[in-house]
Amino acid sequence: MENHLEKITFVPEGEDAPVDFYVLEQTKLGGVTYILVTDTQEGDGEALILKDLSTEDDAEALYEIVSEDDELQADASGDVYKYFVCAICPVKAPTLELRYDTDENFFHPSSTGHIALAPELGFLFPAFTDRSGDLNHINIYGITEKKREELGRLISL
């Protein structure tokens, strides 16, 4: 299967020879665009994070290589939030099927196993408020208002 990555060409400052990179990901943090690029379209290659320094008025894009640990960790938080999550999910019964084993030339019974579906009810303790844990509250999740009320009554017992 052929990989189709967007190719961009850079001319590094102070050099005449252009360099091709292939865009793996692009994201925006704090209003700044970052792109993750590699020097090869397929296989293992060097990867760089580039920060877009250009403005809307610039005729060409201007990028710099992100290398400082401070900037790489700018969106990370040093705080650890310890919590308990409870999710009540309906379970889909397994689907029974036959699978053919080519090595043994034999059919074997098989199953998809039980599949957990999206949660219908749940809670988070302690509640997450103002970027920290709030031991005086619980966040409650329910598909309907009735389910949220039922879980709230059950927890308050």
Protein backbone atom coordinates (compact mmCIF):
# COMPACT_ATOMS: atom_id res chain seq x y z
CA MET A 1 0.00 0.00 0.00
CA GLU A 2 1.46 3.33 -1.05
CA ASN A 3 1.74 6.16 1.46
CA HIS A 4 0.59 9.60 0.27
CA LEU A 5 2.05 12.23 2.58
CA GLU A 6 2.01 15.93 1.75
CA LYS A 7 5.48 17.00 0.59
CA ILE A 8 6.82 20.43 1.47
CA THR A 9 10.12 21.90 0.35
CA PHE A 10 12.27 24.08 2.60
CA VAL A 11 15.29 26.17 1.84
CA PRO A 12 17.25 26.34 5.11
CA GLU A 13 18.58 29.77 6.04
CA GLY A 14 22.07 30.32 4.63
CA GLU A 15 21.86 27.38 2.20
CA ASP A 16 21.02 27.14 -1.50
CA ALA A 17 19.94 23.50 -1.68
CA PRO A 18 16.27 22.80 -0.96
CA VAL A 19 15.27 20.04 1.47
CA ASP A 20 12.08 17.97 1.12
CA PHE A 21 10.01 16.96 4.13
CA TYR A 22 6.80 14.95 4.42
CA VAL A 23 4.06 16.11 6.80
CA LEU A 24 2.97 13.46 9.31
CA GLU A 25 0.74 15.62 11.56
CA GLN A 26 -0.32 19.22 12.02
CA THR A 27 -1.78 20.74 15.18
CA LYS A 28 -2.47 24.13 16.74
CA LEU A 29 -1.59 24.86 20.38
CA GLY A 30 -2.16 28.25 21.94
CA GLY A 31 -2.86 29.77 18.52
CA VAL A 32 0.49 28.55 17.11
CA THR A 33 0.65 25.98 14.32
CA TYR A 34 3.11 23.09 14.65
CA ILE A 35 3.86 20.41 12.08
CA LEU A 36 5.54 17.06 12.56
CA VAL A 37 7.66 16.21 9.51
CA THR A 38 9.95 13.40 8.40
CA ASP A 39 12.66 13.27 5.75
CA THR A 40 11.44 10.04 4.13
CA GLN A 41 8.07 9.21 2.65
CA GLU A 42 8.26 5.55 3.67
CA GLY A 43 10.11 3.64 6.35
CA ASP A 44 12.13 5.00 9.24
CA GLY A 45 13.50 8.51 9.02
CA GLU A 46 14.40 11.56 11.04
CA ALA A 47 11.45 13.48 12.47
CA LEU A 48 11.28 17.17 13.40
CA ILE A 49 8.69 19.41 15.01
CA LEU A 50 8.44 22.73 13.19
CA LYS A 51 6.81 25.87 14.59
CA ASP A 52 5.09 28.26 12.16
CA LEU A 53 6.44 31.78 12.70
CA SER A 54 4.87 33.33 9.61
CA THR A 55 2.10 35.92 9.64
CA GLU A 56 -0.83 36.35 7.27
CA ASP A 57 1.11 39.09 5.43
CA ASP A 58 4.14 36.88 4.69
CA ALA A 59 4.50 35.69 1.09
CA GLU A 60 6.22 32.49 2.25
CA ALA A 61 5.86 30.41 5.37
CA LEU A 62 8.60 30.71 8.01
CA TYR A 63 9.28 27.74 10.30
CA GLU A 64 11.77 27.05 13.05
CA ILE A 65 12.77 23.70 14.51
CA VAL A 66 11.39 23.16 18.01
CA SER A 67 14.23 21.85 20.13
CA GLU A 68 13.90 23.35 23.58
CA ASP A 69 12.42 21.13 26.27
CA ASP A 70 10.51 24.10 27.73
CA GLU A 71 8.54 24.59 24.54
CA LEU A 72 7.97 20.85 24.02
CA GLN A 73 6.54 20.62 27.55
CA ALA A 74 4.61 23.93 27.40
CA ASP A 75 1.24 22.19 27.23
CA ALA A 76 2.11 19.52 29.79
CA SER A 77 1.17 19.90 33.42
CA GLY A 78 3.29 18.77 36.33
CA ASP A 79 0.20 18.15 38.47
CA VAL A 80 -0.99 14.60 39.02
CA TYR A 81 -4.73 14.14 39.32
CA LYS A 82 -5.74 10.94 41.12
CA TYR A 83 -9.33 9.88 40.55
CA PHE A 84 -11.79 7.00 40.47
CA VAL A 85 -13.96 6.41 37.41
CA CYS A 86 -16.97 4.14 37.37
CA ALA A 87 -18.66 3.41 34.02
CA ILE A 88 -21.75 1.23 33.68
CA CYS A 89 -21.85 -0.11 30.15
CA PRO A 90 -24.31 -2.43 28.44
CA VAL A 91 -22.69 -5.59 27.08
CA LYS A 92 -23.40 -7.05 23.66
CA ALA A 93 -23.67 -10.84 23.63
CA PRO A 94 -20.97 -12.66 21.70
CA THR A 95 -21.54 -13.65 18.09
CA LEU A 96 -20.89 -17.32 17.49
CA GLU A 97 -19.17 -18.24 14.26
CA LEU A 98 -17.04 -20.88 12.59
CA ARG A 99 -13.45 -20.24 11.57
CA TYR A 100 -11.45 -22.36 9.17
CA ASP A 101 -7.91 -23.33 10.22
CA THR A 102 -5.87 -23.80 7.03
CA ASP A 103 -3.04 -25.58 8.87
CA GLU A 104 -5.34 -28.25 10.31
CA ASN A 105 -7.91 -28.17 7.45
CA PHE A 106 -10.63 -28.05 10.08
CA PHE A 107 -13.47 -25.73 11.16
CA HIS A 108 -13.34 -24.51 14.77
CA PRO A 109 -16.11 -22.79 16.72
CA SER A 110 -15.24 -19.19 17.52
CA SER A 111 -16.74 -16.18 19.23
CA THR A 112 -16.32 -12.41 19.09
CA GLY A 113 -16.49 -12.37 22.88
CA HIS A 114 -18.57 -9.96 24.92
CA ILE A 115 -18.36 -6.39 23.63
CA ALA A 116 -18.74 -3.43 26.01
CA LEU A 117 -20.84 -0.66 24.43
CA ALA A 118 -20.78 3.05 25.23
CA PRO A 119 -21.48 3.85 28.90
CA GLU A 120 -25.03 4.67 29.98
CA LEU A 121 -24.10 5.81 33.49
CA GLY A 122 -20.94 6.76 35.27
CA PHE A 123 -19.25 9.01 37.76
CA LEU A 124 -15.87 10.58 38.46
CA PHE A 125 -14.63 11.08 42.00
CA PRO A 126 -13.32 13.51 43.00
CA ALA A 127 -14.92 15.96 40.59
CA PHE A 128 -12.51 17.80 38.30
CA THR A 129 -12.97 21.52 38.96
CA ASP A 130 -10.64 24.43 38.12
CA ARG A 131 -7.88 22.05 36.93
CA SER A 132 -7.79 20.12 40.21
CA GLY A 133 -9.67 17.53 42.23
CA ASP A 134 -12.68 18.66 44.26
CA LEU A 135 -13.24 16.17 47.11
CA ASN A 136 -16.62 17.73 47.94
CA HIS A 137 -18.23 16.90 44.58
CA ILE A 138 -18.75 14.05 42.10
CA ASN A 139 -19.13 14.41 38.31
CA ILE A 140 -22.07 12.29 37.15
CA TYR A 141 -22.64 11.09 33.59
CA GLY A 142 -25.92 9.74 32.27
CA ILE A 143 -27.42 9.45 28.82
CA THR A 144 -30.70 10.90 30.08
CA GLU A 145 -31.62 13.24 32.91
CA LYS A 146 -33.60 10.41 34.54
CA LYS A 147 -30.50 8.15 34.60
CA ARG A 148 -28.39 10.96 36.10
CA GLU A 149 -30.98 11.51 38.83
CA GLU A 150 -31.12 7.76 39.60
CA LEU A 151 -27.34 7.55 39.91
CA GLY A 152 -27.28 10.71 42.05
CA ARG A 153 -29.83 9.18 44.45
CA LEU A 154 -27.88 5.91 44.56
CA ILE A 155 -24.57 7.64 45.33
CA SER A 156 -26.08 9.82 48.07
CA LEU A 157 -27.34 6.78 50.05
